[in-house]
C-alpha cells in the first residue's frame, strides 16, 4: 500500500540521516534510492571525484554502520536487501 511504502521511506530517511553526507549520498546512488537508477562505482566515483575503490570503501563502511543493531532493528527488510549484495 502507499501508506506502507511512505512509512518505509520515512524509516529509511531517518536511518540514513545517521550517516555522513557522503555516505548517505553514495548509498542513495548505489541503491537507486533517489531516482530509481542504480549507479555503478565508476559513475559514483566521477560524481564525487574519487576512485571506484574509494567509493567501494565508503559504501562498505556505510553498510556496516547501517547493520549496527541500534539502527538495523528499524529496517530489517531493507538491510536484508543491502546484505544480499550491492549492484555492480
PDB file of N, CA and C in Angstrom:
ATOM      1  N   UNK A   1       0.834  -1.201   0.000  1.00  0.00           N
ATOM      2  CA  UNK A   1       0.000   0.000   0.000  1.00  0.00           C
ATOM      3  C   UNK A   1       0.871   1.254   0.000  1.00  0.00           C
ATOM      4  N   UNK A   2       0.292   2.336  -0.411  1.00  0.00           N
ATOM      5  CA  UNK A   2       1.031   3.601  -0.477  1.00  0.00           C
ATOM      6  C   UNK A   2       1.460   4.051   0.918  1.00  0.00           C
ATOM      7  N   UNK A   3       0.600   3.818   1.906  1.00  0.00           N
ATOM      8  CA  UNK A   3       0.923   4.227   3.280  1.00  0.00           C
ATOM      9  C   UNK A   3       2.125   3.445   3.813  1.00  0.00           C
ATOM     10  N   UNK A   4       2.156   2.151   3.530  1.00  0.00           N
ATOM     11  CA  UNK A   4       3.269   1.314   3.991  1.00  0.00           C
ATOM     12  C   UNK A   4       4.570   1.742   3.320  1.00  0.00           C
ATOM     13  N   UNK A   5       4.493   2.049   2.026  1.00  0.00           N
ATOM     14  CA  UNK A   5       5.689   2.495   1.304  1.00  0.00           C
ATOM     15  C   UNK A   5       6.188   3.816   1.864  1.00  0.00           C
ATOM     16  N   UNK A   6       5.262   4.701   2.178  1.00  0.00           N
ATOM     17  CA  UNK A   6       5.629   6.008   2.737  1.00  0.00           C
ATOM     18  C   UNK A   6       6.299   5.833   4.100  1.00  0.00           C
ATOM     19  N   UNK A   7       5.768   4.909   4.904  1.00  0.00           N
ATOM     20  CA  UNK A   7       6.369   4.635   6.212  1.00  0.00           C
ATOM     21  C   UNK A   7       7.786   4.093   6.065  1.00  0.00           C
ATOM     22  N   UNK A   8       7.975   3.167   5.112  1.00  0.00           N
ATOM     23  CA  UNK A   8       9.305   2.603   4.881  1.00  0.00           C
ATOM     24  C   UNK A   8      10.266   3.695   4.430  1.00  0.00           C
ATOM     25  N   UNK A   9       9.797   4.563   3.536  1.00  0.00           N
ATOM     26  CA  UNK A   9      10.635   5.658   3.044  1.00  0.00           C
ATOM     27  C   UNK A   9      11.056   6.562   4.205  1.00  0.00           C
ATOM     28  N   UNK A  10      10.126   6.871   5.092  1.00  0.00           N
ATOM     29  CA  UNK A  10      10.445   7.700   6.262  1.00  0.00           C
ATOM     30  C   UNK A  10      11.478   7.013   7.157  1.00  0.00           C
ATOM     31  N   UNK A  11      11.313   5.705   7.359  1.00  0.00           N
ATOM     32  CA  UNK A  11      12.271   4.957   8.186  1.00  0.00           C
ATOM     33  C   UNK A  11      13.658   4.972   7.552  1.00  0.00           C
ATOM     34  N   UNK A  12      13.696   4.746   6.243  1.00  0.00           N
ATOM     35  CA  UNK A  12      14.982   4.749   5.530  1.00  0.00           C
ATOM     36  C   UNK A  12      15.637   6.116   5.657  1.00  0.00           C
ATOM     37  N   UNK A  13      14.858   7.178   5.419  1.00  0.00           N
ATOM     38  CA  UNK A  13      15.397   8.543   5.536  1.00  0.00           C
ATOM     39  C   UNK A  13      15.942   8.788   6.935  1.00  0.00           C
ATOM     40  N   UNK A  14      15.205   8.352   7.935  1.00  0.00           N
ATOM     41  CA  UNK A  14      15.608   8.549   9.331  1.00  0.00           C
ATOM     42  C   UNK A  14      16.946   7.863   9.610  1.00  0.00           C
ATOM     43  N   UNK A  15      17.070   6.621   9.168  1.00  0.00           N
ATOM     44  CA  UNK A  15      18.298   5.868   9.417  1.00  0.00           C
ATOM     45  C   UNK A  15      19.457   6.425   8.589  1.00  0.00           C
ATOM     46  N   UNK A  16      19.184   6.816   7.343  1.00  0.00           N
ATOM     47  CA  UNK A  16      20.251   7.373   6.503  1.00  0.00           C
ATOM     48  C   UNK A  16      20.813   8.665   7.098  1.00  0.00           C
ATOM     49  N   UNK A  17      19.990   9.380   7.849  1.00  0.00           N
ATOM     50  CA  UNK A  17      20.463  10.629   8.472  1.00  0.00           C
ATOM     51  C   UNK A  17      21.546  10.379   9.514  1.00  0.00           C
ATOM     52  N   UNK A  18      21.708   9.120   9.941  1.00  0.00           N
ATOM     53  CA  UNK A  18      22.763   8.810  10.910  1.00  0.00           C
ATOM     54  C   UNK A  18      24.123   8.656  10.222  1.00  0.00           C
ATOM     55  N   UNK A  19      24.129   8.642   8.893  1.00  0.00           N
ATOM     56  CA  UNK A  19      25.379   8.541   8.132  1.00  0.00           C
ATOM     57  C   UNK A  19      25.910   9.937   7.832  1.00  0.00           C
ATOM     58  N   UNK A  20      27.165  10.012   7.387  1.00  0.00           N
ATOM     59  CA  UNK A  20      27.694  11.305   6.939  1.00  0.00           C
ATOM     60  C   UNK A  20      27.021  11.647   5.611  1.00  0.00           C
ATOM     61  N   UNK A  21      27.128  12.910   5.210  1.00  0.00           N
ATOM     62  CA  UNK A  21      26.529  13.339   3.944  1.00  0.00           C
ATOM     63  C   UNK A  21      27.016  12.455   2.791  1.00  0.00           C
ATOM     64  N   UNK A  22      28.330  12.245   2.703  1.00  0.00           N
ATOM     65  CA  UNK A  22      28.892  11.490   1.582  1.00  0.00           C
ATOM     66  C   UNK A  22      28.448  10.025   1.613  1.00  0.00           C
ATOM     67  N   UNK A  23      28.447   9.426   2.793  1.00  0.00           N
ATOM     68  CA  UNK A  23      27.978   8.038   2.917  1.00  0.00           C
ATOM     69  C   UNK A  23      26.520   7.919   2.476  1.00  0.00           C
ATOM     70  N   UNK A  24      25.711   8.861   2.942  1.00  0.00           N
ATOM     71  CA  UNK A  24      24.279   8.852   2.623  1.00  0.00           C
ATOM     72  C   UNK A  24      24.056   8.981   1.117  1.00  0.00           C
ATOM     73  N   UNK A  25      24.748   9.924   0.494  1.00  0.00           N
ATOM     74  CA  UNK A  25      24.565  10.145  -0.941  1.00  0.00           C
ATOM     75  C   UNK A  25      25.044   8.944  -1.749  1.00  0.00           C
ATOM     76  N   UNK A  26      26.156   8.352  -1.338  1.00  0.00           N
ATOM     77  CA  UNK A  26      26.679   7.180  -2.055  1.00  0.00           C
ATOM     78  C   UNK A  26      25.696   6.013  -1.949  1.00  0.00           C
ATOM     79  N   UNK A  27      25.154   5.772  -0.763  1.00  0.00           N
ATOM     80  CA  UNK A  27      24.163   4.696  -0.597  1.00  0.00           C
ATOM     81  C   UNK A  27      22.943   4.967  -1.479  1.00  0.00           C
ATOM     82  N   UNK A  28      22.465   6.206  -1.481  1.00  0.00           N
ATOM     83  CA  UNK A  28      21.295   6.546  -2.302  1.00  0.00           C
ATOM     84  C   UNK A  28      21.564   6.278  -3.780  1.00  0.00           C
ATOM     85  N   UNK A  29      22.728   6.684  -4.258  1.00  0.00           N
ATOM     86  CA  UNK A  29      23.066   6.488  -5.671  1.00  0.00           C
ATOM     87  C   UNK A  29      23.258   5.013  -6.004  1.00  0.00           C
ATOM     88  N   UNK A  30      23.981   4.302  -5.154  1.00  0.00           N
ATOM     89  CA  UNK A  30      24.297   2.893  -5.426  1.00  0.00           C
ATOM     90  C   UNK A  30      23.052   2.001  -5.389  1.00  0.00           C
ATOM     91  N   UNK A  31      22.067   2.364  -4.565  1.00  0.00           N
ATOM     92  CA  UNK A  31      20.878   1.524  -4.427  1.00  0.00           C
ATOM     93  C   UNK A  31      19.633   2.122  -5.076  1.00  0.00           C
ATOM     94  N   UNK A  32      19.809   3.197  -5.844  1.00  0.00           N
ATOM     95  CA  UNK A  32      18.687   3.767  -6.579  1.00  0.00           C
ATOM     96  C   UNK A  32      17.612   4.374  -5.700  1.00  0.00           C
ATOM     97  N   UNK A  33      18.007   4.916  -4.539  1.00  0.00           N
ATOM     98  CA  UNK A  33      17.008   5.455  -3.607  1.00  0.00           C
ATOM     99  C   UNK A  33      16.528   6.847  -3.998  1.00  0.00           C
ATOM    100  N   UNK A  34      17.206   7.485  -4.936  1.00  0.00           N
ATOM    101  CA  UNK A  34      16.756   8.810  -5.356  1.00  0.00           C
ATOM    102  C   UNK A  34      15.859   8.695  -6.570  1.00  0.00           C
ATOM    103  N   UNK A  35      16.505   8.469  -7.724  1.00  0.00           N
ATOM    104  CA  UNK A  35      15.763   8.461  -8.986  1.00  0.00           C
ATOM    105  C   UNK A  35      15.446   7.057  -9.499  1.00  0.00           C
ATOM    106  N   UNK A  36      15.760   6.044  -8.690  1.00  0.00           N
ATOM    107  CA  UNK A  36      15.475   4.676  -9.114  1.00  0.00           C
ATOM    108  C   UNK A  36      16.583   4.054  -9.954  1.00  0.00           C
ATOM    109  N   UNK A  37      17.552   4.855 -10.371  1.00  0.00           N
ATOM    110  CA  UNK A  37      18.682   4.352 -11.161  1.00  0.00           C
ATOM    111  C   UNK A  37      19.807   3.951 -10.220  1.00  0.00           C
ATOM    112  N   UNK A  38      20.345   2.747 -10.377  1.00  0.00           N
ATOM    113  CA  UNK A  38      21.469   2.328  -9.534  1.00  0.00           C
ATOM    114  C   UNK A  38      22.770   2.641 -10.256  1.00  0.00           C
ATOM    115  N   UNK A  39      23.532   3.532  -9.687  1.00  0.00           N
ATOM    116  CA  UNK A  39      24.785   3.985 -10.276  1.00  0.00           C
ATOM    117  C   UNK A  39      25.898   2.975 -10.023  1.00  0.00           C
ATOM    118  N   UNK A  40      26.831   2.871 -10.973  1.00  0.00           N
ATOM    119  CA  UNK A  40      27.993   1.994 -10.794  1.00  0.00           C
ATOM    120  C   UNK A  40      29.013   2.694  -9.897  1.00  0.00           C
ATOM    121  N   UNK A  41      29.984   1.920  -9.412  1.00  0.00           N
ATOM    122  CA  UNK A  41      31.081   2.507  -8.623  1.00  0.00           C
ATOM    123  C   UNK A  41      31.771   3.599  -9.436  1.00  0.00           C
ATOM    124  N   UNK A  42      31.961   3.313 -10.727  1.00  0.00           N
ATOM    125  CA  UNK A  42      32.612   4.254 -11.643  1.00  0.00           C
ATOM    126  C   UNK A  42      31.845   5.580 -11.705  1.00  0.00           C
ATOM    127  N   UNK A  43      30.535   5.492 -11.905  1.00  0.00           N
ATOM    128  CA  UNK A  43      29.700   6.693 -12.015  1.00  0.00           C
ATOM    129  C   UNK A  43      29.704   7.497 -10.718  1.00  0.00           C
ATOM    130  N   UNK A  44      29.578   6.806  -9.595  1.00  0.00           N
ATOM    131  CA  UNK A  44      29.588   7.498  -8.303  1.00  0.00           C
ATOM    132  C   UNK A  44      30.950   8.144  -8.076  1.00  0.00           C
ATOM    133  N   UNK A  45      32.007   7.437  -8.460  1.00  0.00           N
ATOM    134  CA  UNK A  45      33.362   7.981  -8.346  1.00  0.00           C
ATOM    135  C   UNK A  45      33.518   9.280  -9.113  1.00  0.00           C
ATOM    136  N   UNK A  46      32.947   9.316 -10.313  1.00  0.00           N
ATOM    137  CA  UNK A  46      33.021  10.550 -11.111  1.00  0.00           C
ATOM    138  C   UNK A  46      32.276  11.694 -10.428  1.00  0.00           C
ATOM    139  N   UNK A  47      31.110  11.393  -9.882  1.00  0.00           N
ATOM    140  CA  UNK A  47      30.315  12.419  -9.200  1.00  0.00           C
ATOM    141  C   UNK A  47      31.088  13.006  -8.018  1.00  0.00           C
ATOM    142  N   UNK A  48      31.718  12.139  -7.229  1.00  0.00           N
ATOM    143  CA  UNK A  48      32.419  12.589  -6.019  1.00  0.00           C
ATOM    144  C   UNK A  48      33.905  12.847  -6.229  1.00  0.00           C
ATOM    145  N   UNK A  49      34.361  12.665  -7.474  1.00  0.00           N
ATOM    146  CA  UNK A  49      35.777  12.862  -7.819  1.00  0.00           C
ATOM    147  C   UNK A  49      36.711  12.030  -6.943  1.00  0.00           C
ATOM    148  N   UNK A  50      36.355  10.757  -6.792  1.00  0.00           N
ATOM    149  CA  UNK A  50      37.207   9.804  -6.079  1.00  0.00           C
ATOM    150  C   UNK A  50      37.276   8.522  -6.912  1.00  0.00           C
ATOM    151  N   UNK A  51      38.189   7.624  -6.544  1.00  0.00           N
ATOM    152  CA  UNK A  51      38.323   6.367  -7.288  1.00  0.00           C
ATOM    153  C   UNK A  51      37.158   5.429  -6.975  1.00  0.00           C
ATOM    154  N   UNK A  52      36.984   4.447  -7.867  1.00  0.00           N
ATOM    155  CA  UNK A  52      35.966   3.409  -7.628  1.00  0.00           C
ATOM    156  C   UNK A  52      36.220   2.711  -6.303  1.00  0.00           C
ATOM    157  N   UNK A  53      37.496   2.442  -6.038  1.00  0.00           N
ATOM    158  CA  UNK A  53      37.866   1.737  -4.803  1.00  0.00           C
ATOM    159  C   UNK A  53      37.458   2.551  -3.573  1.00  0.00           C
ATOM    160  N   UNK A  54      37.647   3.862  -3.636  1.00  0.00           N
ATOM    161  CA  UNK A  54      37.267   4.727  -2.508  1.00  0.00           C
ATOM    162  C   UNK A  54      35.754   4.696  -2.313  1.00  0.00           C
ATOM    163  N   UNK A  55      35.005   4.726  -3.407  1.00  0.00           N
ATOM    164  CA  UNK A  55      33.543   4.639  -3.318  1.00  0.00           C
ATOM    165  C   UNK A  55      33.160   3.317  -2.648  1.00  0.00           C
ATOM    166  N   UNK A  56      33.808   2.233  -3.073  1.00  0.00           N
ATOM    167  CA  UNK A  56      33.518   0.914  -2.505  1.00  0.00           C
ATOM    168  C   UNK A  56      33.782   0.901  -1.000  1.00  0.00           C
ATOM    169  N   UNK A  57      34.893   1.537  -0.589  1.00  0.00           N
ATOM    170  CA  UNK A  57      35.235   1.588   0.841  1.00  0.00           C
ATOM    171  C   UNK A  57      34.194   2.385   1.632  1.00  0.00           C
ATOM    172  N   UNK A  58      33.810   3.532   1.098  1.00  0.00           N
ATOM    173  CA  UNK A  58      32.823   4.387   1.781  1.00  0.00           C
ATOM    174  C   UNK A  58      31.482   3.655   1.874  1.00  0.00           C
ATOM    175  N   UNK A  59      31.096   3.008   0.772  1.00  0.00           N
ATOM    176  CA  UNK A  59      29.844   2.248   0.755  1.00  0.00           C
ATOM    177  C   UNK A  59      29.880   1.121   1.789  1.00  0.00           C
ATOM    178  N   UNK A  60      30.997   0.393   1.838  1.00  0.00           N
ATOM    179  CA  UNK A  60      31.129  -0.725   2.785  1.00  0.00           C
ATOM    180  C   UNK A  60      31.026  -0.223   4.223  1.00  0.00           C
ATOM    181  N   UNK A  61      31.665   0.911   4.497  1.00  0.00           N
ATOM    182  CA  UNK A  61      31.614   1.486   5.844  1.00  0.00           C
ATOM    183  C   UNK A  61      30.178   1.896   6.195  1.00  0.00           C
ATOM    184  N   UNK A  62      29.492   2.512   5.234  1.00  0.00           N
ATOM    185  CA  UNK A  62      28.112   2.948   5.458  1.00  0.00           C
ATOM    186  C   UNK A  62      27.204   1.745   5.715  1.00  0.00           C
ATOM    187  N   UNK A  63      27.385   0.681   4.937  1.00  0.00           N
ATOM    188  CA  UNK A  63      26.567  -0.522   5.120  1.00  0.00           C
ATOM    189  C   UNK A  63      26.832  -1.130   6.497  1.00  0.00           C
ATOM    190  N   UNK A  64      28.107  -1.151   6.905  1.00  0.00           N
ATOM    191  CA  UNK A  64      28.432  -1.656   8.256  1.00  0.00           C
ATOM    192  C   UNK A  64      27.718  -0.828   9.321  1.00  0.00           C
ATOM    193  N   UNK A  65      27.729   0.488   9.148  1.00  0.00           N
ATOM    194  CA  UNK A  65      27.034   1.359  10.113  1.00  0.00           C
ATOM    195  C   UNK A  65      25.544   1.038  10.133  1.00  0.00           C
ATOM    196  N   UNK A  66      24.956   0.864   8.938  1.00  0.00           N
ATOM    197  CA  UNK A  66      23.524   0.589   8.855  1.00  0.00           C
ATOM    198  C   UNK A  66      23.176  -0.765   9.465  1.00  0.00           C
ATOM    199  N   UNK A  67      24.134  -1.684   9.472  1.00  0.00           N
ATOM    200  CA  UNK A  67      23.874  -3.008  10.033  1.00  0.00           C
ATOM    201  C   UNK A  67      24.041  -3.045  11.549  1.00  0.00           C
ATOM    202  N   UNK A  68      24.507  -1.951  12.123  1.00  0.00           N
ATOM    203  CA  UNK A  68      24.674  -1.880  13.571  1.00  0.00           C
ATOM    204  C   UNK A  68      23.307  -2.096  14.230  1.00  0.00           C
ATOM    205  N   UNK A  69      23.241  -2.912  15.274  1.00  0.00           N
ATOM    206  CA  UNK A  69      21.952  -3.298  15.881  1.00  0.00           C
ATOM    207  C   UNK A  69      21.016  -2.144  16.216  1.00  0.00           C
ATOM    208  N   UNK A  70      21.559  -1.050  16.702  1.00  0.00           N
ATOM    209  CA  UNK A  70      20.708   0.083  17.093  1.00  0.00           C
ATOM    210  C   UNK A  70      19.908   0.581  15.894  1.00  0.00           C
ATOM    211  N   UNK A  71      20.557   0.624  14.741  1.00  0.00           N
ATOM    212  CA  UNK A  71      19.869   1.093  13.542  1.00  0.00           C
ATOM    213  C   UNK A  71      19.100  -0.029  12.866  1.00  0.00           C
ATOM    214  N   UNK A  72      19.695  -1.221  12.835  1.00  0.00           N
ATOM    215  CA  UNK A  72      19.159  -2.267  11.967  1.00  0.00           C
ATOM    216  C   UNK A  72      17.786  -2.776  12.387  1.00  0.00           C
ATOM    217  N   UNK A  73      17.462  -2.748  13.677  1.00  0.00           N
ATOM    218  CA  UNK A  73      16.142  -3.258  14.061  1.00  0.00           C
ATOM    219  C   UNK A  73      15.033  -2.410  13.458  1.00  0.00           C
ATOM    220  N   UNK A  74      15.344  -1.172  13.095  1.00  0.00           N
ATOM    221  CA  UNK A  74      14.339  -0.288  12.495  1.00  0.00           C
ATOM    222  C   UNK A  74      14.098  -0.624  11.020  1.00  0.00           C
ATOM    223  N   UNK A  75      15.032  -1.337  10.408  1.00  0.00           N
ATOM    224  CA  UNK A  75      14.997  -1.504   8.958  1.00  0.00           C
ATOM    225  C   UNK A  75      15.229  -2.921   8.471  1.00  0.00           C
ATOM    226  N   UNK A  76      14.766  -3.899   9.190  1.00  0.00           N
ATOM    227  CA  UNK A  76      15.054  -5.302   8.876  1.00  0.00           C
ATOM    228  C   UNK A  76      15.076  -5.622   7.369  1.00  0.00           C
ATOM    229  N   UNK A  77      13.959  -5.480   6.690  1.00  0.00           N
ATOM    230  CA  UNK A  77      13.868  -5.884   5.287  1.00  0.00           C
ATOM    231  C   UNK A  77      14.808  -5.138   4.364  1.00  0.00           C
ATOM    232  N   UNK A  78      14.919  -3.842   4.568  1.00  0.00           N
ATOM    233  CA  UNK A  78      15.798  -3.015   3.744  1.00  0.00           C
ATOM    234  C   UNK A  78      17.238  -3.496   3.872  1.00  0.00           C
ATOM    235  N   UNK A  79      17.667  -3.791   5.094  1.00  0.00           N
ATOM    236  CA  UNK A  79      19.043  -4.238   5.326  1.00  0.00           C
ATOM    237  C   UNK A  79      19.299  -5.603   4.711  1.00  0.00           C
ATOM    238  N   UNK A  80      18.298  -6.462   4.723  1.00  0.00           N
ATOM    239  CA  UNK A  80      18.479  -7.773   4.107  1.00  0.00           C
ATOM    240  C   UNK A  80      18.741  -7.601   2.620  1.00  0.00           C
ATOM    241  N   UNK A  81      18.075  -6.642   2.013  1.00  0.00           N
ATOM    242  CA  UNK A  81      18.306  -6.349   0.597  1.00  0.00           C
ATOM    243  C   UNK A  81      19.727  -5.837   0.389  1.00  0.00           C
ATOM    244  N   UNK A  82      20.180  -4.945   1.280  1.00  0.00           N
ATOM    245  CA  UNK A  82      21.543  -4.412   1.184  1.00  0.00           C
ATOM    246  C   UNK A  82      22.559  -5.537   1.304  1.00  0.00           C
ATOM    247  N   UNK A  83      22.348  -6.424   2.254  1.00  0.00           N
ATOM    248  CA  UNK A  83      23.294  -7.511   2.505  1.00  0.00           C
ATOM    249  C   UNK A  83      23.326  -8.509   1.359  1.00  0.00           C
ATOM    250  N   UNK A  84      22.227  -8.594   0.632  1.00  0.00           N
ATOM    251  CA  UNK A  84      22.148  -9.539  -0.482  1.00  0.00           C
ATOM    252  C   UNK A  84      23.139  -9.177  -1.580  1.00  0.00           C
ATOM    253  N   UNK A  85      23.696  -7.980  -1.501  1.00  0.00           N
ATOM    254  CA  UNK A  85      24.722  -7.607  -2.472  1.00  0.00           C
ATOM    255  C   UNK A  85      24.378  -6.330  -3.190  1.00  0.00           C
ATOM    256  N   UNK A  86      25.375  -5.502  -3.291  1.00  0.00           N
ATOM    257  CA  UNK A  86      25.213  -4.221  -3.974  1.00  0.00           C
ATOM    258  C   UNK A  86      25.171  -4.441  -5.474  1.00  0.00           C
ATOM    259  N   UNK A  87      24.572  -3.499  -6.163  1.00  0.00           N
ATOM    260  CA  UNK A  87      24.663  -3.535  -7.626  1.00  0.00           C
ATOM    261  C   UNK A  87      26.121  -3.327  -8.021  1.00  0.00           C
ATOM    262  N   UNK A  88      26.507  -3.681  -9.240  1.00  0.00           N
ATOM    263  CA  UNK A  88      27.926  -3.544  -9.635  1.00  0.00           C
ATOM    264  C   UNK A  88      28.282  -2.135  -9.996  1.00  0.00           C
TER     265      UNK A  88
END
